[in-house]
Amino acid sequence: MPVSPAGSHKQQNFGLSVLGSSMISKSSVSTSESIAEDLEESSYKRERLTSFTDLRVMRTAPETMITKEDLEKNIEIILTETETLRFFDLPTVMVSVESEEAEKVTQRNKNYEVLCRNRLGNDLYVERMMQTFNGAPKNKDVQCDKIIMEDKGIMSTAWDLYDSYNAMEILSLSVKQTLAESSSKANGLPKDREQRLAGSTTEKSSESSSLMDIENVILAKIHEDEEDLSDVILKSDRFHQDLFFMERVLMENIFQPKLAAYRQLPVLKEPEPEEPEDFLENAKHEEVEEEPKKEEEEEIEIVAEESTIPPNLERLWSFSCELTKGLNVSSLAWNKTNPDLLAVGYGHFGFKEQKRGLACCWSIKNPMWPERIYQSPYGVTAVDFSIGSPNLLAVGYHNGTIAIYNVRSNTNVPVLDSSESSQKHLGPVWQLQWIEQDRGTTGDDKREILVSISADGRISKWVIRKGLDCYDLMRLKRTVAINKKGGEKEKKDEALLSRQAPGMCFAFHPKDTNIYLAGTEEGHIHKCSCSYNEQYLDTYRGHKGPVYKVTWNPFCHDVFLSCSADWGVIIWQQENVKPFLSFYPTTSVVYDVAWSPKSSYIFAAANENRVEIWDLHISTLDPLIVNVANPGIKFTTILFAKQTDCLLVGDSDGQVSVYELRNMPTALDFGQEDMIDCLLGHKSNQPA
């Protein structure tokens, strides 16, 4: 059966369509593989070709009838390879031994080695002698600062580069337009004339200035886009240190007369403005003659006034701020190394009066705001600085916890805390003290321990291991005096009960740190030893209420002082268990007593209504100085300044007032026996 030309035409069309589709698929694959072909052939041509062939196939598809013979025919499809494009060609230095080029490379290397060995005999090798002139040697020394190198890196993508350059171009164009408008308005020149003067020097200078303006605007824009660094500056350590120094300078200017009086320095007065010379020419001659007479009269008057003015307390200032207002001052302690640093604890004594607690470190150089602030939900009942490590501050709380803070750091987190200790106190910690004890027989080797007394009846010694751990020096037990009959005299023995006695205060002996006194809530003072924890050495009975403070005399080591809630202050002698001297000046609770660091006869007592200064050498009946408290305020703690004649008094309103002792009698340096004899003489003069 002959094939019609139409059929042959259809066959050709079918072949073209198949070949076209194959070519198109190949080109599409090649575009994904190589970027160069995509650049050479435009995209719209490819789209046009594919669309044209698809249309022809769609038209001929319904008209052609494919027979079995057509399917059995062989169709040739020719696949051609594109030219190879080399982006990077790096010849290899190493060649594998198994490769085809290995023999050629080895042979070439051998030839090169032979050539190098035989180069002296080579015709191209020439050996000549030459003499060159060397310049005179010179020493060159360079001194410069050390160059500090820093490594900085940043990652930028193509999109970042594009955006940054595009933003700079847009900004520069806008700036150029504004500068052109402003310059055209200022000069008042038309555009034609500006074009004529394109090559002039004035335009060149204007272009350079415009470029500078563009750079300045761009830099200003960059600075505006950056974050505000004011917070970083305000929070920087250097800025805080500068403010700290400025605050100290201002405080010293404001409190200069009071600080000078505290340190017993002459008070500086500002010079008065000088009056005009015209009005005082005649008066000067008369003043010169009268000046020596006036100075002599003033000295006589000052001496007479000092002799007539009785001893008194002059208030200088008070340590107080908004944080301490309304809180009760519970304890005071000086730093052992820095005499200008004072630790103050704020906390109420009663269980029902409990508020927030506070421990502050005040400096004499800034009486208006504390240097360190440690806040707590529990009241602070005791504070004390370490002797060996003056930066450590021990704080006792009303809930029985003991915390140790590092005052050198600005953090409010304690370094050590007894809250997780199984041996912590179950009652308020009424007193804390760092004690140096002798380790060996020589007494040179000393160790420092922290001792605390609590309302749970325990006197504990704290040690630092993995945390704060302790063991008990003494468990205070209640004592009951029982009269036994059957003899000529009645003897009093102690019957020990299992019930514990709450501890209130303690005091270690100034010389023998193995001996200490402990005051209890039942009114007894027990003499104890660190070597015995089961029994007392002696018991001093004389108070009828809780003993709030016990302190040894710093000059006469056999005499100690105690105060109690029974309104009394008692002086004891170590060898005698009965009171040596008793003082009941008022009907108020005496919270604190303290010996003067300059005289063995002077001590201070603070009760609810007033502060009393006693001089035993003058009188044992009446206090030397009495300072009455303001209405509604109670005095709670007292502390003598170590190097000056000043007294610190804490009250129930959160103020620690600093008083200067004026016109005090000269301190008498007596020995221990002289003091006891003097006290015995005063005791015999007391009314029965």
Foldseek 3Di string as FASTA:
>chain_A
DDDDVVVVVLVVLVLVLVQLVVVLVVVVVVVVVDVVVPVVDDDVVSVVSVVVSVVSCVVSVVVDDDDPVNVPDDRDHDDDDDDDDDPDDDDDPDDDCPDPCNVVVVVVVVVVVVCVVCVVVDPPDDDDDDDDDDDDDDDDDDDDDDDDDDDDDDDDDPVRVVVVVVVLVVLLVVLVVVVVVVVCVVVVDDPVVCVVCVPPPVVVVVVVVSVVVSVVVVVVVVVVPDDDCPVVCVPDPVNVVVVVVVLLVVLCVVLVQLVCVFLVHDGDDDDDDDDDCVVCVVVVVVCVVCVVVVVVVVVVVVVVVLVPDAWEWDFRFWQDEPVLFQWFWQEKEAQQPDLQKIKTWTFDDDPVPTAKIKIFIDGPSRSHDTPAIATGRFGWQEWYAENVQRQWIWTWTQQQKIFIQRNVDRDNDGPAICPPPPPTDRGGFNYKDKDWAADDPVRPDIDIWIWTFGQQQFIWIWDADVGTDIDTLARAFDWDWDWDDDDPDTDTDTDTDPRTFGWAEKEAQPPHRQWMWTWTQQQKIFIDGSVDHPDTPDIAHDDRGGWHDKYAQPAQRQWIWTFGQQQKIFIDGNVDSYTLAMARPDRFGWQEKADELQASQWIWIFTFFWIFIAGLLVAPHHTSYIGTDDPPKGWHYKDARNNAQWIWITISRSITIIIHTRSDDDHDDDHNVVVSVSSVVNVVVDDD
